[in-house]
Amino acid sequence: MAPTPPEQRVDPAAAARQMRGFGLATLGLVLCFLLPLWNLARFAAGSELYSYILLIPCISFYLVWKERHKPPSGFLPARGMTAGFLTAGSMLLMVYWLVLRPRLKMFEDDYLAVMMIAFLLLFFGVCGWFFGRDFLRTNAFALGFLVFMVPIPAVAITWIDSALQHGSAVVVRGFFTISGTPFLQDGLMFQLPGITIQIAPECSGIHSTLVLFITSLLAGHFFLRTPWKRALFILAVIPLALLRNGFRVFTIGELCVHIGPHMINSPIHHKGGPLFFALSLIPLFLLLIVLRKSERAGGRAISKTLENSNPIPPE
């Protein structure tokens, strides 16, 4: 094994200075963005859609802490990446103050999205300067995970809501057809015996879908190694979200038909989201088990092939 070059050896005293410098720089950055960060925390705490944002920094910190046993070979600054991040963050702030500020005053989620993107770009630049390329590479997932601190722009939320509504309507139609319940469909409205229900934007399940997506991302990172299997596992969230939401609407509709229209105001409608979310976790983790077992089987097959192709010569 080649010796570590002197310029890449980690000096404990230098590492301590780097940590102090990083802490002071991060503190300064947080103070500069203190008002947007406070507004984000307040906004997330009062939002049903973005309540998960408050957990994102904690999860990212844990992911970095989990990799602490992989110390970098040195703390040489990644000057190119640092300059890119700092320049991009600074330019975004300039564009906001010169162009976007008058337009975003009335849209808190869009304003916070711009502020958080700028904050994260500058923070990535600070990490690159004090810890170098090895740290950024080792903790790429943890740092990238901080992107979930950024609220989704209002235009994108409208598009996602619409896609989930119409996708859920297709699933609901399928469930009613299979069950034999008579119905008439007009877009997002279903006329059932004794009641008409509509899949409104509030019933799109966007919050549960986002949380399910984040859950699949974390589970894939922890338990899967093959990139395409991780991608398959994450993409499975889309049909699973539609099935979950469609099944929820179908269940409420069946209760209204067979018990009474008053079930539209029952707790299973207004507070049943966590129950259906928990049900959607079952097929998701069954898929995770299947993919994980296939990786283990593939790993054993490769090891056996290598053993057969490299037999131990007789003594």
C-alpha atoms as a PDB file:
ATOM      1  CA  MET A   1       0.000   0.000   0.000  1.00  0.00           C
ATOM      2  CA  ALA A   2       1.383   3.377  -1.006  1.00  0.00           C
ATOM      3  CA  PRO A   3       2.082   5.773   1.862  1.00  0.00           C
ATOM      4  CA  THR A   4      -0.262   8.710   2.293  1.00  0.00           C
ATOM      5  CA  PRO A   5       1.263  11.889   0.776  1.00  0.00           C
ATOM      6  CA  PRO A   6       2.366  14.332   3.479  1.00  0.00           C
ATOM      7  CA  GLU A   7       0.018  17.042   2.179  1.00  0.00           C
ATOM      8  CA  GLN A   8      -2.977  14.702   2.664  1.00  0.00           C
ATOM      9  CA  ARG A   9      -2.164  13.503   6.173  1.00  0.00           C
ATOM     10  CA  VAL A  10      -4.599  14.682   8.811  1.00  0.00           C
ATOM     11  CA  ASP A  11      -2.994  16.701  11.591  1.00  0.00           C
ATOM     12  CA  PRO A  12      -5.251  16.608  14.696  1.00  0.00           C
ATOM     13  CA  ALA A  13      -4.492  20.218  15.518  1.00  0.00           C
ATOM     14  CA  ALA A  14      -5.220  21.320  11.957  1.00  0.00           C
ATOM     15  CA  ALA A  15      -8.420  19.255  11.964  1.00  0.00           C
ATOM     16  CA  ALA A  16      -9.529  20.989  15.170  1.00  0.00           C
ATOM     17  CA  ARG A  17      -8.849  24.391  13.583  1.00  0.00           C
ATOM     18  CA  GLN A  18     -10.832  23.353  10.505  1.00  0.00           C
ATOM     19  CA  MET A  19     -13.767  22.308  12.677  1.00  0.00           C
ATOM     20  CA  ARG A  20     -13.683  25.623  14.551  1.00  0.00           C
ATOM     21  CA  GLY A  21     -13.509  27.528  11.290  1.00  0.00           C
ATOM     22  CA  PHE A  22     -16.378  25.514   9.845  1.00  0.00           C
ATOM     23  CA  GLY A  23     -18.463  26.076  12.982  1.00  0.00           C
ATOM     24  CA  LEU A  24     -17.880  29.841  12.906  1.00  0.00           C
ATOM     25  CA  ALA A  25     -18.584  30.078   9.175  1.00  0.00           C
ATOM     26  CA  THR A  26     -21.773  28.037   9.533  1.00  0.00           C
ATOM     27  CA  LEU A  27     -22.881  30.134  12.494  1.00  0.00           C
ATOM     28  CA  GLY A  28     -22.291  33.293  10.471  1.00  0.00           C
ATOM     29  CA  LEU A  29     -24.275  31.873   7.557  1.00  0.00           C
ATOM     30  CA  VAL A  30     -27.150  30.874   9.854  1.00  0.00           C
ATOM     31  CA  LEU A  31     -27.197  34.371  11.380  1.00  0.00           C
ATOM     32  CA  CYS A  32     -27.366  35.913   7.905  1.00  0.00           C
ATOM     33  CA  PHE A  33     -30.341  33.688   7.067  1.00  0.00           C
ATOM     34  CA  LEU A  34     -31.842  33.739  10.553  1.00  0.00           C
ATOM     35  CA  LEU A  35     -35.094  35.403   9.487  1.00  0.00           C
ATOM     36  CA  PRO A  36     -35.776  33.070   6.509  1.00  0.00           C
ATOM     37  CA  LEU A  37     -34.852  30.020   8.629  1.00  0.00           C
ATOM     38  CA  TRP A  38     -37.190  31.141  11.412  1.00  0.00           C
ATOM     39  CA  ASN A  39     -39.946  31.791   8.865  1.00  0.00           C
ATOM     40  CA  LEU A  40     -39.354  28.326   7.405  1.00  0.00           C
ATOM     41  CA  ALA A  41     -39.659  26.663  10.825  1.00  0.00           C
ATOM     42  CA  ARG A  42     -42.830  28.605  11.583  1.00  0.00           C
ATOM     43  CA  PHE A  43     -44.244  27.867   8.139  1.00  0.00           C
ATOM     44  CA  ALA A  44     -43.477  24.130   8.376  1.00  0.00           C
ATOM     45  CA  ALA A  45     -44.884  23.839  11.912  1.00  0.00           C
ATOM     46  CA  GLY A  46     -48.197  25.304  10.761  1.00  0.00           C
ATOM     47  CA  SER A  47     -48.394  23.415   7.468  1.00  0.00           C
ATOM     48  CA  GLU A  48     -49.914  19.981   7.034  1.00  0.00           C
ATOM     49  CA  LEU A  49     -48.007  19.558   3.764  1.00  0.00           C
ATOM     50  CA  TYR A  50     -44.540  20.611   4.954  1.00  0.00           C
ATOM     51  CA  SER A  51     -44.472  19.334   8.523  1.00  0.00           C
ATOM     52  CA  TYR A  52     -41.676  16.900   7.541  1.00  0.00           C
ATOM     53  CA  ILE A  53     -39.270  19.799   6.877  1.00  0.00           C
ATOM     54  CA  LEU A  54     -38.505  20.141  10.591  1.00  0.00           C
ATOM     55  CA  LEU A  55     -37.030  16.610  10.598  1.00  0.00           C
ATOM     56  CA  ILE A  56     -34.810  16.995   7.531  1.00  0.00           C
ATOM     57  CA  PRO A  57     -31.769  18.673   9.205  1.00  0.00           C
ATOM     58  CA  CYS A  58     -31.857  16.067  12.000  1.00  0.00           C
ATOM     59  CA  ILE A  59     -31.871  13.197   9.485  1.00  0.00           C
ATOM     60  CA  SER A  60     -29.036  14.739   7.477  1.00  0.00           C
ATOM     61  CA  PHE A  61     -26.973  15.252  10.629  1.00  0.00           C
ATOM     62  CA  TYR A  62     -27.485  11.604  11.544  1.00  0.00           C
ATOM     63  CA  LEU A  63     -26.422  10.502   8.055  1.00  0.00           C
ATOM     64  CA  VAL A  64     -23.200  12.526   8.351  1.00  0.00           C
ATOM     65  CA  TRP A  65     -22.587  11.238  11.880  1.00  0.00           C
ATOM     66  CA  LYS A  66     -23.071   7.665  10.630  1.00  0.00           C
ATOM     67  CA  GLU A  67     -20.165   8.152   8.211  1.00  0.00           C
ATOM     68  CA  ARG A  68     -17.828   9.496  10.903  1.00  0.00           C
ATOM     69  CA  HIS A  69     -15.786   6.270  10.788  1.00  0.00           C
ATOM     70  CA  LYS A  70     -14.642   7.255   7.287  1.00  0.00           C
ATOM     71  CA  PRO A  71     -12.276  10.135   8.027  1.00  0.00           C
ATOM     72  CA  PRO A  72     -11.115  12.125   4.989  1.00  0.00           C
ATOM     73  CA  SER A  73      -7.552  11.742   3.832  1.00  0.00           C
ATOM     74  CA  GLY A  74      -7.093  15.460   4.269  1.00  0.00           C
ATOM     75  CA  PHE A  75      -8.822  18.814   4.470  1.00  0.00           C
ATOM     76  CA  LEU A  76      -7.641  20.320   1.208  1.00  0.00           C
ATOM     77  CA  PRO A  77     -10.316  22.792   0.011  1.00  0.00           C
ATOM     78  CA  ALA A  78     -12.259  21.817  -3.109  1.00  0.00           C
ATOM     79  CA  ARG A  79     -11.717  25.265  -4.580  1.00  0.00           C
ATOM     80  CA  GLY A  80     -13.530  24.723  -7.866  1.00  0.00           C
ATOM     81  CA  MET A  81     -16.652  23.242  -6.289  1.00  0.00           C
ATOM     82  CA  THR A  82     -16.575  25.803  -3.471  1.00  0.00           C
ATOM     83  CA  ALA A  83     -16.372  28.692  -5.929  1.00  0.00           C
ATOM     84  CA  GLY A  84     -19.236  27.215  -7.953  1.00  0.00           C
ATOM     85  CA  PHE A  85     -21.518  26.807  -4.942  1.00  0.00           C
ATOM     86  CA  LEU A  86     -20.723  30.222  -3.468  1.00  0.00           C
ATOM     87  CA  THR A  87     -21.131  31.964  -6.829  1.00  0.00           C
ATOM     88  CA  ALA A  88     -24.451  30.244  -7.537  1.00  0.00           C
ATOM     89  CA  GLY A  89     -25.818  31.072  -4.083  1.00  0.00           C
ATOM     90  CA  SER A  90     -24.699  34.713  -4.282  1.00  0.00           C
ATOM     91  CA  MET A  91     -26.119  35.161  -7.774  1.00  0.00           C
ATOM     92  CA  LEU A  92     -29.467  33.685  -6.699  1.00  0.00           C
ATOM     93  CA  LEU A  93     -29.657  36.181  -3.835  1.00  0.00           C
ATOM     94  CA  MET A  94     -28.861  39.029  -6.228  1.00  0.00           C
ATOM     95  CA  VAL A  95     -31.567  37.890  -8.655  1.00  0.00           C
ATOM     96  CA  TYR A  96     -34.033  37.663  -5.777  1.00  0.00           C
ATOM     97  CA  TRP A  97     -33.356  41.160  -4.468  1.00  0.00           C
ATOM     98  CA  LEU A  98     -33.195  42.788  -7.909  1.00  0.00           C
ATOM     99  CA  VAL A  99     -35.912  40.894  -9.805  1.00  0.00           C
ATOM    100  CA  LEU A 100     -37.942  38.353  -7.842  1.00  0.00           C
ATOM    101  CA  ARG A 101     -38.591  40.115  -4.527  1.00  0.00           C
ATOM    102  CA  PRO A 102     -41.599  42.196  -5.650  1.00  0.00           C
ATOM    103  CA  ARG A 103     -43.233  39.125  -7.219  1.00  0.00           C
ATOM    104  CA  LEU A 104     -42.656  36.715  -4.323  1.00  0.00           C
ATOM    105  CA  LYS A 105     -43.806  38.954  -1.475  1.00  0.00           C
ATOM    106  CA  MET A 106     -47.290  37.453  -1.559  1.00  0.00           C
ATOM    107  CA  PHE A 107     -46.179  33.819  -1.889  1.00  0.00           C
ATOM    108  CA  GLU A 108     -44.427  32.691   1.267  1.00  0.00           C
ATOM    109  CA  ASP A 109     -43.644  29.176   0.028  1.00  0.00           C
ATOM    110  CA  ASP A 110     -41.987  30.508  -3.170  1.00  0.00           C
ATOM    111  CA  TYR A 111     -40.026  33.112  -1.186  1.00  0.00           C
ATOM    112  CA  LEU A 112     -38.823  30.463   1.264  1.00  0.00           C
ATOM    113  CA  ALA A 113     -37.910  28.142  -1.627  1.00  0.00           C
ATOM    114  CA  VAL A 114     -35.572  30.765  -3.112  1.00  0.00           C
ATOM    115  CA  MET A 115     -34.057  31.591   0.280  1.00  0.00           C
ATOM    116  CA  MET A 116     -33.444  27.942   1.169  1.00  0.00           C
ATOM    117  CA  ILE A 117     -31.854  27.129  -2.198  1.00  0.00           C
ATOM    118  CA  ALA A 118     -29.487  30.072  -1.739  1.00  0.00           C
ATOM    119  CA  PHE A 119     -28.758  29.035   1.860  1.00  0.00           C
ATOM    120  CA  LEU A 120     -27.975  25.439   0.872  1.00  0.00           C
ATOM    121  CA  LEU A 121     -25.733  26.476  -2.020  1.00  0.00           C
ATOM    122  CA  LEU A 122     -23.706  28.696   0.310  1.00  0.00           C
ATOM    123  CA  PHE A 123     -23.632  25.978   2.973  1.00  0.00           C
ATOM    124  CA  PHE A 124     -22.326  23.431   0.443  1.00  0.00           C
ATOM    125  CA  GLY A 125     -19.647  25.948  -0.467  1.00  0.00           C
ATOM    126  CA  VAL A 126     -18.636  26.266   3.204  1.00  0.00           C
ATOM    127  CA  CYS A 127     -18.443  22.457   3.498  1.00  0.00           C
ATOM    128  CA  GLY A 128     -16.311  22.249   0.365  1.00  0.00           C
ATOM    129  CA  TRP A 129     -13.909  24.909   1.594  1.00  0.00           C
ATOM    130  CA  PHE A 130     -13.322  23.515   5.069  1.00  0.00           C
ATOM    131  CA  PHE A 131     -13.619  19.754   4.466  1.00  0.00           C
ATOM    132  CA  GLY A 132     -12.711  19.259   0.838  1.00  0.00           C
ATOM    133  CA  ARG A 133     -13.797  17.001  -1.995  1.00  0.00           C
ATOM    134  CA  ASP A 134     -13.565  13.742   0.021  1.00  0.00           C
ATOM    135  CA  PHE A 135     -16.117  14.989   2.536  1.00  0.00           C
ATOM    136  CA  LEU A 136     -18.497  16.133  -0.185  1.00  0.00           C
ATOM    137  CA  ARG A 137     -18.196  12.789  -1.952  1.00  0.00           C
ATOM    138  CA  THR A 138     -18.613  10.680   1.203  1.00  0.00           C
ATOM    139  CA  ASN A 139     -21.596  12.704   2.417  1.00  0.00           C
ATOM    140  CA  ALA A 140     -23.181  13.493  -0.936  1.00  0.00           C
ATOM    141  CA  PHE A 141     -26.441  11.770  -0.009  1.00  0.00           C
ATOM    142  CA  ALA A 142     -26.676  13.439   3.408  1.00  0.00           C
ATOM    143  CA  LEU A 143     -26.013  16.888   1.955  1.00  0.00           C
ATOM    144  CA  GLY A 144     -28.322  16.300  -0.991  1.00  0.00           C
ATOM    145  CA  PHE A 145     -31.043  15.193   1.413  1.00  0.00           C
ATOM    146  CA  LEU A 146     -31.141  18.768   2.732  1.00  0.00           C
ATOM    147  CA  VAL A 147     -32.902  19.707  -0.512  1.00  0.00           C
ATOM    148  CA  PHE A 148     -36.115  18.540   1.157  1.00  0.00           C
ATOM    149  CA  MET A 149     -35.868  21.666   3.310  1.00  0.00           C
ATOM    150  CA  VAL A 150     -36.893  23.613   0.194  1.00  0.00           C
ATOM    151  CA  PRO A 151     -40.676  24.119  -0.111  1.00  0.00           C
ATOM    152  CA  ILE A 152     -42.051  23.068  -3.482  1.00  0.00           C
ATOM    153  CA  PRO A 153     -43.071  26.083  -5.633  1.00  0.00           C
ATOM    154  CA  ALA A 154     -46.818  26.730  -5.757  1.00  0.00           C
ATOM    155  CA  VAL A 155     -47.013  26.048  -9.512  1.00  0.00           C
ATOM    156  CA  ALA A 156     -45.431  22.615  -9.043  1.00  0.00           C
ATOM    157  CA  ILE A 157     -47.772  21.841  -6.127  1.00  0.00           C
ATOM    158  CA  THR A 158     -50.780  22.593  -8.348  1.00  0.00           C
ATOM    159  CA  TRP A 159     -49.443  20.291 -11.079  1.00  0.00           C
ATOM    160  CA  ILE A 160     -48.656  17.460  -8.642  1.00  0.00           C
ATOM    161  CA  ASP A 161     -52.080  17.798  -7.002  1.00  0.00           C
ATOM    162  CA  SER A 162     -53.794  17.574 -10.378  1.00  0.00           C
ATOM    163  CA  ALA A 163     -51.740  14.541 -11.448  1.00  0.00           C
ATOM    164  CA  LEU A 164     -52.504  12.717  -8.188  1.00  0.00           C
ATOM    165  CA  GLN A 165     -56.197  13.579  -8.392  1.00  0.00           C
ATOM    166  CA  HIS A 166     -56.629  12.259 -11.937  1.00  0.00           C
ATOM    167  CA  GLY A 167     -54.438   9.212 -11.291  1.00  0.00           C
ATOM    168  CA  SER A 168     -56.444   8.402  -8.177  1.00  0.00           C
ATOM    169  CA  ALA A 169     -59.689   8.765 -10.151  1.00  0.00           C
ATOM    170  CA  VAL A 170     -58.527   6.025 -12.531  1.00  0.00           C
ATOM    171  CA  VAL A 171     -57.786   3.750  -9.562  1.00  0.00           C
ATOM    172  CA  VAL A 172     -61.128   4.551  -7.885  1.00  0.00           C
ATOM    173  CA  ARG A 173     -62.956   3.705 -11.100  1.00  0.00           C
ATOM    174  CA  GLY A 174     -61.167   0.353 -11.197  1.00  0.00           C
ATOM    175  CA  PHE A 175     -62.066  -0.449  -7.578  1.00  0.00           C
ATOM    176  CA  PHE A 176     -65.737   0.416  -8.067  1.00  0.00           C
ATOM    177  CA  THR A 177     -65.847  -1.652 -11.246  1.00  0.00           C
ATOM    178  CA  ILE A 178     -64.348  -4.683  -9.502  1.00  0.00           C
ATOM    179  CA  SER A 179     -66.647  -4.314  -6.491  1.00  0.00           C
ATOM    180  CA  GLY A 180     -69.770  -4.111  -8.657  1.00  0.00           C
ATOM    181  CA  THR A 181     -70.971  -0.899  -7.010  1.00  0.00           C
ATOM    182  CA  PRO A 182     -73.034   1.099  -9.552  1.00  0.00           C
ATOM    183  CA  PHE A 183     -71.549   4.517 -10.272  1.00  0.00           C
ATOM    184  CA  LEU A 184     -71.376   7.301 -12.808  1.00  0.00           C
ATOM    185  CA  GLN A 185     -68.110   9.197 -13.309  1.00  0.00           C
ATOM    186  CA  ASP A 186     -67.707  12.765 -14.501  1.00  0.00           C
ATOM    187  CA  GLY A 187     -64.037  13.607 -14.351  1.00  0.00           C
ATOM    188  CA  LEU A 188     -63.151  13.693 -10.665  1.00  0.00           C
ATOM    189  CA  MET A 189     -66.743  13.247  -9.483  1.00  0.00           C
ATOM    190  CA  PHE A 190     -68.345   9.874  -8.750  1.00  0.00           C
ATOM    191  CA  GLN A 191     -72.103   9.595  -8.403  1.00  0.00           C
ATOM    192  CA  LEU A 192     -72.929   6.661  -6.127  1.00  0.00           C
ATOM    193  CA  PRO A 193     -76.263   5.429  -4.779  1.00  0.00           C
ATOM    194  CA  GLY A 194     -77.338   8.120  -2.322  1.00  0.00           C
ATOM    195  CA  ILE A 195     -74.240  10.341  -2.543  1.00  0.00           C
ATOM    196  CA  THR A 196     -71.840  12.083  -4.913  1.00  0.00           C
ATOM    197  CA  ILE A 197     -68.162  12.279  -3.972  1.00  0.00           C
ATOM    198  CA  GLN A 198     -65.389  14.309  -5.562  1.00  0.00           C
ATOM    199  CA  ILE A 199     -61.620  13.906  -5.415  1.00  0.00           C
ATOM    200  CA  ALA A 200     -60.699  17.436  -4.349  1.00  0.00           C
ATOM    201  CA  PRO A 201     -57.141  18.838  -4.161  1.00  0.00           C
ATOM    202  CA  GLU A 202     -57.296  18.273  -0.407  1.00  0.00           C
ATOM    203  CA  CYS A 203     -57.874  14.570  -1.130  1.00  0.00           C
ATOM    204  CA  SER A 204     -54.946  14.177  -3.526  1.00  0.00           C
ATOM    205  CA  GLY A 205     -52.707  12.668  -0.829  1.00  0.00           C
ATOM    206  CA  ILE A 206     -49.738  14.851  -1.744  1.00  0.00           C
ATOM    207  CA  HIS A 207     -48.412  14.997   1.846  1.00  0.00           C
ATOM    208  CA  SER A 208     -48.492  11.218   2.261  1.00  0.00           C
ATOM    209  CA  THR A 209     -46.897  10.803  -1.159  1.00  0.00           C
ATOM    210  CA  LEU A 210     -44.015  13.144  -0.287  1.00  0.00           C
ATOM    211  CA  VAL A 211     -43.417  11.383   3.022  1.00  0.00           C
ATOM    212  CA  LEU A 212     -43.579   8.000   1.265  1.00  0.00           C
ATOM    213  CA  PHE A 213     -41.059   9.230  -1.313  1.00  0.00           C
ATOM    214  CA  ILE A 214     -38.669  10.415   1.412  1.00  0.00           C
ATOM    215  CA  THR A 215     -39.104   7.104   3.244  1.00  0.00           C
ATOM    216  CA  SER A 216     -38.293   5.118   0.093  1.00  0.00           C
ATOM    217  CA  LEU A 217     -35.240   7.282  -0.560  1.00  0.00           C
ATOM    218  CA  LEU A 218     -33.854   6.614   2.919  1.00  0.00           C
ATOM    219  CA  ALA A 219     -34.687   2.907   2.873  1.00  0.00           C
ATOM    220  CA  GLY A 220     -33.085   2.480  -0.546  1.00  0.00           C
ATOM    221  CA  HIS A 221     -29.956   4.274   0.635  1.00  0.00           C
ATOM    222  CA  PHE A 222     -29.617   2.114   3.758  1.00  0.00           C
ATOM    223  CA  PHE A 223     -30.568  -1.303   2.411  1.00  0.00           C
ATOM    224  CA  LEU A 224     -29.904  -1.411  -1.357  1.00  0.00           C
ATOM    225  CA  ARG A 225     -26.603  -1.179  -3.206  1.00  0.00           C
ATOM    226  CA  THR A 226     -27.543  -1.536  -6.885  1.00  0.00           C
ATOM    227  CA  PRO A 227     -28.445   1.850  -8.444  1.00  0.00           C
ATOM    228  CA  TRP A 228     -31.177   0.509 -10.725  1.00  0.00           C
ATOM    229  CA  LYS A 229     -32.815  -1.349  -7.836  1.00  0.00           C
ATOM    230  CA  ARG A 230     -32.767   1.812  -5.760  1.00  0.00           C
ATOM    231  CA  ALA A 231     -34.380   3.670  -8.670  1.00  0.00           C
ATOM    232  CA  LEU A 232     -37.011   0.948  -9.095  1.00  0.00           C
ATOM    233  CA  PHE A 233     -37.788   1.022  -5.384  1.00  0.00           C
ATOM    234  CA  ILE A 234     -38.206   4.810  -5.375  1.00  0.00           C
ATOM    235  CA  LEU A 235     -40.300   4.872  -8.564  1.00  0.00           C
ATOM    236  CA  ALA A 236     -42.613   2.254  -7.053  1.00  0.00           C
ATOM    237  CA  VAL A 237     -43.866   5.050  -4.780  1.00  0.00           C
ATOM    238  CA  ILE A 238     -45.859   6.602  -7.670  1.00  0.00           C
ATOM    239  CA  PRO A 239     -48.227   3.690  -8.415  1.00  0.00           C
ATOM    240  CA  LEU A 240     -48.328   2.838  -4.708  1.00  0.00           C
ATOM    241  CA  ALA A 241     -49.422   6.395  -3.857  1.00  0.00           C
ATOM    242  CA  LEU A 242     -52.181   6.266  -6.462  1.00  0.00           C
ATOM    243  CA  LEU A 243     -53.360   2.884  -5.203  1.00  0.00           C
ATOM    244  CA  ARG A 244     -53.342   4.105  -1.587  1.00  0.00           C
ATOM    245  CA  ASN A 245     -55.282   7.257  -2.353  1.00  0.00           C
ATOM    246  CA  GLY A 246     -57.689   5.483  -4.692  1.00  0.00           C
ATOM    247  CA  PHE A 247     -58.352   2.800  -2.101  1.00  0.00           C
ATOM    248  CA  ARG A 248     -59.034   5.458   0.520  1.00  0.00           C
ATOM    249  CA  VAL A 249     -61.625   7.195  -1.696  1.00  0.00           C
ATOM    250  CA  PHE A 250     -63.129   3.826  -2.627  1.00  0.00           C
ATOM    251  CA  THR A 251     -63.401   2.834   1.055  1.00  0.00           C
ATOM    252  CA  ILE A 252     -65.137   6.080   1.983  1.00  0.00           C
ATOM    253  CA  GLY A 253     -67.499   5.685  -0.968  1.00  0.00           C
ATOM    254  CA  GLU A 254     -68.391   2.118  -0.004  1.00  0.00           C
ATOM    255  CA  LEU A 255     -69.041   3.185   3.599  1.00  0.00           C
ATOM    256  CA  CYS A 256     -71.344   5.957   2.378  1.00  0.00           C
ATOM    257  CA  VAL A 257     -73.251   3.517   0.157  1.00  0.00           C
ATOM    258  CA  HIS A 258     -73.617   0.637   2.626  1.00  0.00           C
ATOM    259  CA  ILE A 259     -73.804   2.480   5.981  1.00  0.00           C
ATOM    260  CA  GLY A 260     -75.011   5.965   5.144  1.00  0.00           C
ATOM    261  CA  PRO A 261     -74.024   9.290   3.535  1.00  0.00           C
ATOM    262  CA  HIS A 262     -73.032  10.594   6.968  1.00  0.00           C
ATOM    263  CA  MET A 263     -69.821   8.522   6.681  1.00  0.00           C
ATOM    264  CA  ILE A 264     -68.442  11.263   4.449  1.00  0.00           C
ATOM    265  CA  ASN A 265     -67.902  13.218   7.688  1.00  0.00           C
ATOM    266  CA  SER A 266     -66.551  10.266   9.665  1.00  0.00           C
ATOM    267  CA  PRO A 267     -63.047  10.170  11.204  1.00  0.00           C
ATOM    268  CA  ILE A 268     -61.913   7.704   8.529  1.00  0.00           C
ATOM    269  CA  HIS A 269     -62.354  10.523   6.003  1.00  0.00           C
ATOM    270  CA  HIS A 270     -60.928  13.434   7.946  1.00  0.00           C
ATOM    271  CA  LYS A 271     -58.356  11.627  10.098  1.00  0.00           C
ATOM    272  CA  GLY A 272     -57.794   8.328   8.321  1.00  0.00           C
ATOM    273  CA  GLY A 273     -54.705   9.444   6.412  1.00  0.00           C
ATOM    274  CA  PRO A 274     -52.148   7.879   8.810  1.00  0.00           C
ATOM    275  CA  LEU A 275     -53.995   4.544   8.671  1.00  0.00           C
ATOM    276  CA  PHE A 276     -53.888   4.348   4.871  1.00  0.00           C
ATOM    277  CA  PHE A 277     -50.294   5.593   4.880  1.00  0.00           C
ATOM    278  CA  ALA A 278     -49.349   2.747   7.225  1.00  0.00           C
ATOM    279  CA  LEU A 279     -51.101   0.287   4.910  1.00  0.00           C
ATOM    280  CA  SER A 280     -49.087   1.606   1.954  1.00  0.00           C
ATOM    281  CA  LEU A 281     -45.855   0.874   3.821  1.00  0.00           C
ATOM    282  CA  ILE A 282     -46.598  -2.869   3.757  1.00  0.00           C
ATOM    283  CA  PRO A 283     -46.190  -3.431  -0.017  1.00  0.00           C
ATOM    284  CA  LEU A 284     -43.320  -0.930  -0.109  1.00  0.00           C
ATOM    285  CA  PHE A 285     -41.263  -2.863   2.422  1.00  0.00           C
ATOM    286  CA  LEU A 286     -42.228  -6.197   0.880  1.00  0.00           C
ATOM    287  CA  LEU A 287     -40.692  -4.878  -2.335  1.00  0.00           C
ATOM    288  CA  LEU A 288     -37.625  -3.785  -0.361  1.00  0.00           C
ATOM    289  CA  ILE A 289     -37.243  -7.300   1.063  1.00  0.00           C
ATOM    290  CA  VAL A 290     -37.503  -8.853  -2.411  1.00  0.00           C
ATOM    291  CA  LEU A 291     -34.918  -6.472  -3.885  1.00  0.00           C
ATOM    292  CA  ARG A 292     -32.571  -6.939  -0.922  1.00  0.00           C
ATOM    293  CA  LYS A 293     -32.780 -10.722  -1.179  1.00  0.00           C
ATOM    294  CA  SER A 294     -32.084 -10.545  -4.921  1.00  0.00           C
ATOM    295  CA  GLU A 295     -28.947  -8.512  -4.203  1.00  0.00           C
ATOM    296  CA  ARG A 296     -27.753 -11.055  -1.662  1.00  0.00           C
ATOM    297  CA  ALA A 297     -28.438 -13.922  -4.074  1.00  0.00           C
ATOM    298  CA  GLY A 298     -26.593 -12.064  -6.822  1.00  0.00           C
ATOM    299  CA  GLY A 299     -23.652 -11.419  -4.507  1.00  0.00           C
ATOM    300  CA  ARG A 300     -23.416 -15.092  -3.562  1.00  0.00           C
ATOM    301  CA  ALA A 301     -23.581 -16.097  -7.242  1.00  0.00           C
ATOM    302  CA  ILE A 302     -20.754 -13.720  -8.132  1.00  0.00           C
ATOM    303  CA  SER A 303     -18.608 -14.983  -5.247  1.00  0.00           C
ATOM    304  CA  LYS A 304     -19.192 -18.591  -6.315  1.00  0.00           C
ATOM    305  CA  THR A 305     -18.292 -17.752  -9.914  1.00  0.00           C
ATOM    306  CA  LEU A 306     -15.066 -16.090  -8.806  1.00  0.00           C
ATOM    307  CA  GLU A 307     -14.171 -19.105  -6.664  1.00  0.00           C
ATOM    308  CA  ASN A 308     -14.765 -21.483  -9.578  1.00  0.00           C
ATOM    309  CA  SER A 309     -12.762 -19.342 -11.983  1.00  0.00           C
ATOM    310  CA  ASN A 310      -9.827 -19.065  -9.555  1.00  0.00           C
ATOM    311  CA  PRO A 311      -9.386 -22.576  -8.090  1.00  0.00           C
ATOM    312  CA  ILE A 312      -6.800 -22.994  -5.373  1.00  0.00           C
ATOM    313  CA  PRO A 313      -3.819 -24.856  -6.892  1.00  0.00           C
ATOM    314  CA  PRO A 314      -2.864 -28.133  -5.180  1.00  0.00           C
ATOM    315  CA  GLU A 315       0.123 -27.973  -2.866  1.00  0.00           C
END
